[in-house]
């Protein structure tokens, strides 16, 4: 999961250009990710101010499917 620190984000668009899944949307006010995000972390590396972080969700419990 990608986490955004809004206080650091400059809305420069570096992350948008780095995303191979086209999962990041940006306007003057908001930076948002859609469901196409694969958590590859390329946007995190592209951010010049460190506004993005990759949060690993290893061990996340998925609810059982009941029929």
PDB file of N, CA and C in Angstrom:
ATOM      1  N   UNK A   1       0.845  -1.166   0.000  1.00  0.00           N
ATOM      2  CA  UNK A   1       0.000   0.000   0.000  1.00  0.00           C
ATOM      3  C   UNK A   1       0.900   1.242   0.000  1.00  0.00           C
ATOM      4  N   UNK A   2       0.545   2.213  -0.805  1.00  0.00           N
ATOM      5  CA  UNK A   2       1.293   3.462  -0.881  1.00  0.00           C
ATOM      6  C   UNK A   2       0.630   4.470   0.049  1.00  0.00           C
ATOM      7  N   UNK A   3       1.457   5.115   0.860  1.00  0.00           N
ATOM      8  CA  UNK A   3       0.957   6.129   1.788  1.00  0.00           C
ATOM      9  C   UNK A   3       1.506   7.487   1.362  1.00  0.00           C
ATOM     10  N   UNK A   4       0.648   8.486   1.371  1.00  0.00           N
ATOM     11  CA  UNK A   4       1.013   9.843   0.971  1.00  0.00           C
ATOM     12  C   UNK A   4       1.056  10.763   2.183  1.00  0.00           C
ATOM     13  N   UNK A   5       2.125  11.547   2.281  1.00  0.00           N
ATOM     14  CA  UNK A   5       2.220  12.594   3.292  1.00  0.00           C
ATOM     15  C   UNK A   5       1.868  13.907   2.587  1.00  0.00           C
ATOM     16  N   UNK A   6       0.629  14.355   2.763  1.00  0.00           N
ATOM     17  CA  UNK A   6       0.143  15.562   2.087  1.00  0.00           C
ATOM     18  C   UNK A   6       0.960  16.804   2.422  1.00  0.00           C
ATOM     19  N   UNK A   7       1.541  16.843   3.615  1.00  0.00           N
ATOM     20  CA  UNK A   7       2.314  18.011   4.020  1.00  0.00           C
ATOM     21  C   UNK A   7       3.595  18.152   3.204  1.00  0.00           C
ATOM     22  N   UNK A   8       4.133  17.045   2.710  1.00  0.00           N
ATOM     23  CA  UNK A   8       5.370  17.080   1.930  1.00  0.00           C
ATOM     24  C   UNK A   8       5.127  17.204   0.426  1.00  0.00           C
ATOM     25  N   UNK A   9       3.983  16.711  -0.059  1.00  0.00           N
ATOM     26  CA  UNK A   9       3.713  16.639  -1.499  1.00  0.00           C
ATOM     27  C   UNK A   9       3.690  18.032  -2.133  1.00  0.00           C
ATOM     28  N   UNK A  10       4.472  18.197  -3.212  1.00  0.00           N
ATOM     29  CA  UNK A  10       4.535  19.467  -3.942  1.00  0.00           C
ATOM     30  C   UNK A  10       3.666  19.441  -5.196  1.00  0.00           C
ATOM     31  N   UNK A  11       2.995  18.304  -5.465  1.00  0.00           N
ATOM     32  CA  UNK A  11       2.176  18.140  -6.665  1.00  0.00           C
ATOM     33  C   UNK A  11       2.999  18.376  -7.931  1.00  0.00           C
ATOM     34  N   UNK A  12       4.223  17.833  -7.944  1.00  0.00           N
ATOM     35  CA  UNK A  12       5.114  18.025  -9.089  1.00  0.00           C
ATOM     36  C   UNK A  12       4.827  17.052 -10.227  1.00  0.00           C
ATOM     37  N   UNK A  13       4.205  15.902  -9.923  1.00  0.00           N
ATOM     38  CA  UNK A  13       3.856  14.937 -10.955  1.00  0.00           C
ATOM     39  C   UNK A  13       4.915  13.892 -11.256  1.00  0.00           C
ATOM     40  N   UNK A  14       6.036  13.904 -10.540  1.00  0.00           N
ATOM     41  CA  UNK A  14       7.090  12.918 -10.787  1.00  0.00           C
ATOM     42  C   UNK A  14       6.564  11.500 -10.593  1.00  0.00           C
ATOM     43  N   UNK A  15       5.732  11.306  -9.605  1.00  0.00           N
ATOM     44  CA  UNK A  15       5.177   9.975  -9.318  1.00  0.00           C
ATOM     45  C   UNK A  15       4.235   9.514 -10.430  1.00  0.00           C
ATOM     46  N   UNK A  16       3.484  10.441 -10.990  1.00  0.00           N
ATOM     47  CA  UNK A  16       2.536  10.113 -12.055  1.00  0.00           C
ATOM     48  C   UNK A  16       3.290   9.555 -13.259  1.00  0.00           C
ATOM     49  N   UNK A  17       4.373  10.214 -13.633  1.00  0.00           N
ATOM     50  CA  UNK A  17       5.170   9.768 -14.768  1.00  0.00           C
ATOM     51  C   UNK A  17       5.889   8.457 -14.524  1.00  0.00           C
ATOM     52  N   UNK A  18       6.164   8.144 -13.272  1.00  0.00           N
ATOM     53  CA  UNK A  18       6.893   6.917 -12.937  1.00  0.00           C
ATOM     54  C   UNK A  18       5.994   5.697 -12.830  1.00  0.00           C
ATOM     55  N   UNK A  19       4.696   5.880 -12.743  1.00  0.00           N
ATOM     56  CA  UNK A  19       3.767   4.773 -12.505  1.00  0.00           C
ATOM     57  C   UNK A  19       3.487   3.982 -13.784  1.00  0.00           C
ATOM     58  N   UNK A  20       3.925   2.715 -13.836  1.00  0.00           N
ATOM     59  CA  UNK A  20       3.687   1.903 -15.040  1.00  0.00           C
ATOM     60  C   UNK A  20       2.228   1.463 -15.188  1.00  0.00           C
ATOM     61  N   UNK A  21       1.441   1.555 -14.131  1.00  0.00           N
ATOM     62  CA  UNK A  21       0.040   1.124 -14.170  1.00  0.00           C
ATOM     63  C   UNK A  21      -0.929   2.285 -14.397  1.00  0.00           C
ATOM     64  N   UNK A  22      -0.400   3.500 -14.533  1.00  0.00           N
ATOM     65  CA  UNK A  22      -1.253   4.696 -14.670  1.00  0.00           C
ATOM     66  C   UNK A  22      -2.294   4.752 -13.555  1.00  0.00           C
ATOM     67  N   UNK A  23      -1.843   4.503 -12.337  1.00  0.00           N
ATOM     68  CA  UNK A  23      -2.752   4.410 -11.194  1.00  0.00           C
ATOM     69  C   UNK A  23      -2.780   5.665 -10.336  1.00  0.00           C
ATOM     70  N   UNK A  24      -2.042   6.704 -10.739  1.00  0.00           N
ATOM     71  CA  UNK A  24      -1.966   7.916  -9.919  1.00  0.00           C
ATOM     72  C   UNK A  24      -2.601   9.077 -10.673  1.00  0.00           C
ATOM     73  N   UNK A  25      -3.473   9.794  -9.984  1.00  0.00           N
ATOM     74  CA  UNK A  25      -4.129  10.959 -10.557  1.00  0.00           C
ATOM     75  C   UNK A  25      -3.766  12.178  -9.730  1.00  0.00           C
ATOM     76  N   UNK A  26      -3.505  13.276 -10.432  1.00  0.00           N
ATOM     77  CA  UNK A  26      -3.026  14.485  -9.768  1.00  0.00           C
ATOM     78  C   UNK A  26      -3.729  15.707 -10.329  1.00  0.00           C
ATOM     79  N   UNK A  27      -4.147  16.582  -9.426  1.00  0.00           N
ATOM     80  CA  UNK A  27      -4.546  17.931  -9.826  1.00  0.00           C
ATOM     81  C   UNK A  27      -3.937  18.887  -8.813  1.00  0.00           C
ATOM     82  N   UNK A  28      -4.279  20.132  -8.859  1.00  0.00           N
ATOM     83  CA  UNK A  28      -3.650  21.121  -7.975  1.00  0.00           C
ATOM     84  C   UNK A  28      -3.923  20.856  -6.494  1.00  0.00           C
ATOM     85  N   UNK A  29      -4.960  20.102  -6.195  1.00  0.00           N
ATOM     86  CA  UNK A  29      -5.400  19.941  -4.817  1.00  0.00           C
ATOM     87  C   UNK A  29      -5.157  18.541  -4.261  1.00  0.00           C
ATOM     88  N   UNK A  30      -5.224  17.527  -5.092  1.00  0.00           N
ATOM     89  CA  UNK A  30      -5.196  16.157  -4.568  1.00  0.00           C
ATOM     90  C   UNK A  30      -4.342  15.222  -5.433  1.00  0.00           C
ATOM     91  N   UNK A  31      -3.705  14.297  -4.760  1.00  0.00           N
ATOM     92  CA  UNK A  31      -2.992  13.196  -5.394  1.00  0.00           C
ATOM     93  C   UNK A  31      -3.707  11.940  -4.932  1.00  0.00           C
ATOM     94  N   UNK A  32      -4.119  11.096  -5.876  1.00  0.00           N
ATOM     95  CA  UNK A  32      -4.905   9.924  -5.509  1.00  0.00           C
ATOM     96  C   UNK A  32      -4.459   8.719  -6.317  1.00  0.00           C
ATOM     97  N   UNK A  33      -4.665   7.544  -5.755  1.00  0.00           N
ATOM     98  CA  UNK A  33      -4.327   6.275  -6.382  1.00  0.00           C
ATOM     99  C   UNK A  33      -5.607   5.509  -6.655  1.00  0.00           C
ATOM    100  N   UNK A  34      -5.659   4.819  -7.810  1.00  0.00           N
ATOM    101  CA  UNK A  34      -6.836   3.990  -8.071  1.00  0.00           C
ATOM    102  C   UNK A  34      -6.503   2.523  -7.810  1.00  0.00           C
ATOM    103  N   UNK A  35      -7.445   1.648  -8.090  1.00  0.00           N
ATOM    104  CA  UNK A  35      -7.290   0.231  -7.798  1.00  0.00           C
ATOM    105  C   UNK A  35      -6.270  -0.471  -8.693  1.00  0.00           C
ATOM    106  N   UNK A  36      -5.770   0.207  -9.729  1.00  0.00           N
ATOM    107  CA  UNK A  36      -4.772  -0.394 -10.611  1.00  0.00           C
ATOM    108  C   UNK A  36      -3.376  -0.399  -9.992  1.00  0.00           C
ATOM    109  N   UNK A  37      -3.200   0.272  -8.863  1.00  0.00           N
ATOM    110  CA  UNK A  37      -1.903   0.339  -8.185  1.00  0.00           C
ATOM    111  C   UNK A  37      -1.442  -1.072  -7.815  1.00  0.00           C
ATOM    112  N   UNK A  38      -0.194  -1.396  -8.184  1.00  0.00           N
ATOM    113  CA  UNK A  38       0.357  -2.722  -7.896  1.00  0.00           C
ATOM    114  C   UNK A  38       1.349  -2.694  -6.738  1.00  0.00           C
ATOM    115  N   UNK A  39       1.504  -1.558  -6.088  1.00  0.00           N
ATOM    116  CA  UNK A  39       2.456  -1.397  -4.982  1.00  0.00           C
ATOM    117  C   UNK A  39       3.887  -1.724  -5.402  1.00  0.00           C
ATOM    118  N   UNK A  40       4.242  -1.347  -6.633  1.00  0.00           N
ATOM    119  CA  UNK A  40       5.593  -1.628  -7.127  1.00  0.00           C
ATOM    120  C   UNK A  40       6.636  -0.720  -6.484  1.00  0.00           C
ATOM    121  N   UNK A  41       6.231   0.455  -6.029  1.00  0.00           N
ATOM    122  CA  UNK A  41       7.142   1.368  -5.347  1.00  0.00           C
ATOM    123  C   UNK A  41       7.905   2.317  -6.254  1.00  0.00           C
ATOM    124  N   UNK A  42       7.665   2.275  -7.562  1.00  0.00           N
ATOM    125  CA  UNK A  42       8.385   3.180  -8.464  1.00  0.00           C
ATOM    126  C   UNK A  42       8.036   4.645  -8.191  1.00  0.00           C
ATOM    127  N   UNK A  43       6.813   4.913  -7.790  1.00  0.00           N
ATOM    128  CA  UNK A  43       6.422   6.291  -7.467  1.00  0.00           C
ATOM    129  C   UNK A  43       7.157   6.781  -6.226  1.00  0.00           C
ATOM    130  N   UNK A  44       7.372   5.882  -5.274  1.00  0.00           N
ATOM    131  CA  UNK A  44       8.080   6.236  -4.044  1.00  0.00           C
ATOM    132  C   UNK A  44       9.505   6.670  -4.377  1.00  0.00           C
ATOM    133  N   UNK A  45      10.158   5.916  -5.250  1.00  0.00           N
ATOM    134  CA  UNK A  45      11.539   6.246  -5.643  1.00  0.00           C
ATOM    135  C   UNK A  45      11.610   7.521  -6.472  1.00  0.00           C
ATOM    136  N   UNK A  46      10.541   7.813  -7.225  1.00  0.00           N
ATOM    137  CA  UNK A  46      10.543   8.994  -8.095  1.00  0.00           C
ATOM    138  C   UNK A  46      10.261  10.292  -7.344  1.00  0.00           C
ATOM    139  N   UNK A  47       9.664  10.216  -6.181  1.00  0.00           N
ATOM    140  CA  UNK A  47       9.275  11.426  -5.438  1.00  0.00           C
ATOM    141  C   UNK A  47      10.515  12.151  -4.917  1.00  0.00           C
ATOM    142  N   UNK A  48      10.726  13.396  -5.352  1.00  0.00           N
ATOM    143  CA  UNK A  48      11.928  14.129  -4.946  1.00  0.00           C
ATOM    144  C   UNK A  48      11.918  14.628  -3.500  1.00  0.00           C
ATOM    145  N   UNK A  49      10.748  14.611  -2.856  1.00  0.00           N
ATOM    146  CA  UNK A  49      10.659  15.140  -1.489  1.00  0.00           C
ATOM    147  C   UNK A  49      10.285  14.086  -0.456  1.00  0.00           C
ATOM    148  N   UNK A  50      10.174  12.829  -0.869  1.00  0.00           N
ATOM    149  CA  UNK A  50       9.868  11.760   0.080  1.00  0.00           C
ATOM    150  C   UNK A  50       8.454  11.799   0.626  1.00  0.00           C
ATOM    151  N   UNK A  51       7.498  12.249  -0.200  1.00  0.00           N
ATOM    152  CA  UNK A  51       6.117  12.348   0.259  1.00  0.00           C
ATOM    153  C   UNK A  51       5.376  11.016   0.206  1.00  0.00           C
ATOM    154  N   UNK A  52       5.959  10.032  -0.476  1.00  0.00           N
ATOM    155  CA  UNK A  52       5.309   8.725  -0.607  1.00  0.00           C
ATOM    156  C   UNK A  52       6.118   7.664   0.113  1.00  0.00           C
ATOM    157  N   UNK A  53       5.423   6.695   0.695  1.00  0.00           N
ATOM    158  CA  UNK A  53       6.097   5.552   1.319  1.00  0.00           C
ATOM    159  C   UNK A  53       5.326   4.291   0.964  1.00  0.00           C
ATOM    160  N   UNK A  54       6.075   3.208   0.867  1.00  0.00           N
ATOM    161  CA  UNK A  54       5.483   1.910   0.587  1.00  0.00           C
ATOM    162  C   UNK A  54       5.315   1.186   1.907  1.00  0.00           C
ATOM    163  N   UNK A  55       4.076   0.886   2.255  1.00  0.00           N
ATOM    164  CA  UNK A  55       3.759   0.193   3.495  1.00  0.00           C
ATOM    165  C   UNK A  55       3.498  -1.269   3.155  1.00  0.00           C
ATOM    166  N   UNK A  56       4.322  -2.132   3.667  1.00  0.00           N
ATOM    167  CA  UNK A  56       4.161  -3.568   3.410  1.00  0.00           C
ATOM    168  C   UNK A  56       3.023  -4.090   4.277  1.00  0.00           C
ATOM    169  N   UNK A  57       2.177  -4.921   3.692  1.00  0.00           N
ATOM    170  CA  UNK A  57       1.032  -5.460   4.410  1.00  0.00           C
ATOM    171  C   UNK A  57       1.173  -6.970   4.594  1.00  0.00           C
ATOM    172  N   UNK A  58       2.408  -7.426   4.693  1.00  0.00           N
ATOM    173  CA  UNK A  58       2.653  -8.854   4.884  1.00  0.00           C
ATOM    174  C   UNK A  58       1.942  -9.326   6.157  1.00  0.00           C
ATOM    175  N   UNK A  59       1.305 -10.466   6.081  1.00  0.00           N
ATOM    176  CA  UNK A  59       0.614 -10.994   7.242  1.00  0.00           C
ATOM    177  C   UNK A  59      -0.793 -10.463   7.406  1.00  0.00           C
ATOM    178  N   UNK A  60      -1.252  -9.710   6.413  1.00  0.00           N
ATOM    179  CA  UNK A  60      -2.607  -9.165   6.462  1.00  0.00           C
ATOM    180  C   UNK A  60      -3.599 -10.316   6.440  1.00  0.00           C
ATOM    181  N   UNK A  61      -4.523 -10.311   7.364  1.00  0.00           N
ATOM    182  CA  UNK A  61      -5.517 -11.378   7.436  1.00  0.00           C
ATOM    183  C   UNK A  61      -6.681 -11.061   6.513  1.00  0.00           C
ATOM    184  N   UNK A  62      -7.010 -12.028   5.691  1.00  0.00           N
ATOM    185  CA  UNK A  62      -8.128 -11.883   4.764  1.00  0.00           C
ATOM    186  C   UNK A  62      -9.302 -12.664   5.337  1.00  0.00           C
ATOM    187  N   UNK A  63     -10.480 -12.032   5.410  1.00  0.00           N
ATOM    188  CA  UNK A  63     -11.621 -12.738   5.986  1.00  0.00           C
ATOM    189  C   UNK A  63     -11.970 -13.976   5.149  1.00  0.00           C
ATOM    190  N   UNK A  64     -12.396 -15.019   5.829  1.00  0.00           N
ATOM    191  CA  UNK A  64     -12.794 -16.260   5.154  1.00  0.00           C
ATOM    192  C   UNK A  64     -14.067 -16.040   4.373  1.00  0.00           C
ATOM    193  N   UNK A  65     -14.146 -16.709   3.237  1.00  0.00           N
ATOM    194  CA  UNK A  65     -15.353 -16.632   2.413  1.00  0.00           C
ATOM    195  C   UNK A  65     -16.321 -17.690   2.931  1.00  0.00           C
ATOM    196  N   UNK A  66     -17.539 -17.255   3.188  1.00  0.00           N
ATOM    197  CA  UNK A  66     -18.550 -18.208   3.654  1.00  0.00           C
ATOM    198  C   UNK A  66     -19.616 -18.361   2.597  1.00  0.00           C
ATOM    199  N   UNK A  67     -20.087 -19.574   2.425  1.00  0.00           N
ATOM    200  CA  UNK A  67     -21.082 -19.842   1.380  1.00  0.00           C
ATOM    201  C   UNK A  67     -22.483 -19.877   1.923  1.00  0.00           C
TER     202      UNK A  67
END
